[in-house]
C-alpha atoms as a PDB file:
ATOM      1  CA  MET A   1      96.283 106.041  92.611  1.00  0.00           C
ATOM      2  CA  PHE A   2      98.772 104.043  90.541  1.00  0.00           C
ATOM      3  CA  GLY A   3      96.101 103.223  87.987  1.00  0.00           C
ATOM      4  CA  VAL A   4      94.137 101.118  90.480  1.00  0.00           C
ATOM      5  CA  GLY A   5      90.427 101.808  90.612  1.00  0.00           C
ATOM      6  CA  PRO A   6      87.984 101.267  93.446  1.00  0.00           C
ATOM      7  CA  ILE A   7      86.794  97.934  92.039  1.00  0.00           C
ATOM      8  CA  GLU A   8      90.354  96.562  91.989  1.00  0.00           C
ATOM      9  CA  LEU A   9      90.914  97.741  95.564  1.00  0.00           C
ATOM     10  CA  LEU A  10      87.699  96.025  96.629  1.00  0.00           C
ATOM     11  CA  VAL A  11      88.807  92.762  94.983  1.00  0.00           C
ATOM     12  CA  VAL A  12      92.218  92.950  96.673  1.00  0.00           C
ATOM     13  CA  GLY A  13      90.513  93.592 100.021  1.00  0.00           C
ATOM     14  CA  MET A  14      88.215  90.605  99.579  1.00  0.00           C
ATOM     15  CA  VAL A  15      91.145  88.340  98.657  1.00  0.00           C
ATOM     16  CA  ALA A  16      93.044  89.567 101.725  1.00  0.00           C
ATOM     17  CA  MET A  17      90.032  88.782 103.925  1.00  0.00           C
ATOM     18  CA  LEU A  18      89.803  85.276 102.460  1.00  0.00           C
ATOM     19  CA  LEU A  19      93.525  84.593 102.862  1.00  0.00           C
ATOM     20  CA  PHE A  20      94.123  86.069 106.303  1.00  0.00           C
ATOM     21  CA  GLY A  21      90.665  86.093 107.940  1.00  0.00           C
ATOM     22  CA  ASN A  22      90.965  86.801 111.653  1.00  0.00           C
ATOM     23  CA  ARG A  23      94.713  87.420 111.405  1.00  0.00           C
ATOM     24  CA  LEU A  24      94.261  90.391 109.061  1.00  0.00           C
ATOM     25  CA  PRO A  25      94.569  93.082 111.792  1.00  0.00           C
ATOM     26  CA  SER A  26      97.838  91.602 113.074  1.00  0.00           C
ATOM     27  CA  VAL A  27      99.168  91.229 109.527  1.00  0.00           C
ATOM     28  CA  MET A  28      98.349  94.875 108.765  1.00  0.00           C
ATOM     29  CA  ARG A  29      99.930  95.996 112.056  1.00  0.00           C
ATOM     30  CA  SER A  30     103.130  94.116 111.221  1.00  0.00           C
ATOM     31  CA  LEU A  31     103.136  95.582 107.730  1.00  0.00           C
ATOM     32  CA  GLY A  32     102.737  99.092 109.154  1.00  0.00           C
ATOM     33  CA  GLN A  33     105.590  98.551 111.591  1.00  0.00           C
ATOM     34  CA  GLY A  34     107.804  97.297 108.778  1.00  0.00           C
ATOM     35  CA  ILE A  35     107.024 100.337 106.648  1.00  0.00           C
ATOM     36  CA  SER A  36     107.757 102.630 109.607  1.00  0.00           C
ATOM     37  CA  GLU A  37     111.118 100.948 110.194  1.00  0.00           C
ATOM     38  CA  PHE A  38     111.984 101.270 106.512  1.00  0.00           C
ATOM     39  CA  LYS A  39     111.107 104.992 106.470  1.00  0.00           C
ATOM     40  CA  ARG A  40     113.129 105.559 109.643  1.00  0.00           C
ATOM     41  CA  GLY A  41     116.138 103.861 108.060  1.00  0.00           C
ATOM     42  CA  VAL A  42     115.814 105.900 104.859  1.00  0.00           C
ATOM     43  CA  ASN A  43     115.581 109.119 106.891  1.00  0.00           C
ATOM     44  CA  GLU A  44     118.728 108.211 108.851  1.00  0.00           C
ATOM     45  CA  ILE A  45     120.613 107.532 105.621  1.00  0.00           C
ATOM     46  CA  ASN A  46     119.438 110.857 104.165  1.00  0.00           C
ATOM     47  CA  GLU A  47     120.559 112.677 107.326  1.00  0.00           C
ATOM     48  CA  ASP A  48     123.985 111.037 107.099  1.00  0.00           C
ATOM     49  CA  ILE A  49     124.321 112.018 103.453  1.00  0.00           C
ATOM     50  CA  ASN A  50     123.178 115.612 103.971  1.00  0.00           C
ATOM     51  CA  ARG A  51     125.228 116.173 107.133  1.00  0.00           C
ATOM     52  CA  PRO A  52     128.130 118.541 106.464  1.00  0.00           C
ATOM     53  CA  SER A  53     131.563 116.966 106.976  1.00  0.00           C
END
């Protein structure tokens, strides 16, 4: 997975817990919504490009 091992993922998770604490679920939810919006926008652009004229 992009050259990141389980130990590195664990360290990143621990740092995230220290930085965000109780807000972590809301931060992750916002991140997920942002990713969904981005994917939706990319799909719309691809549909516009692939649509026959």
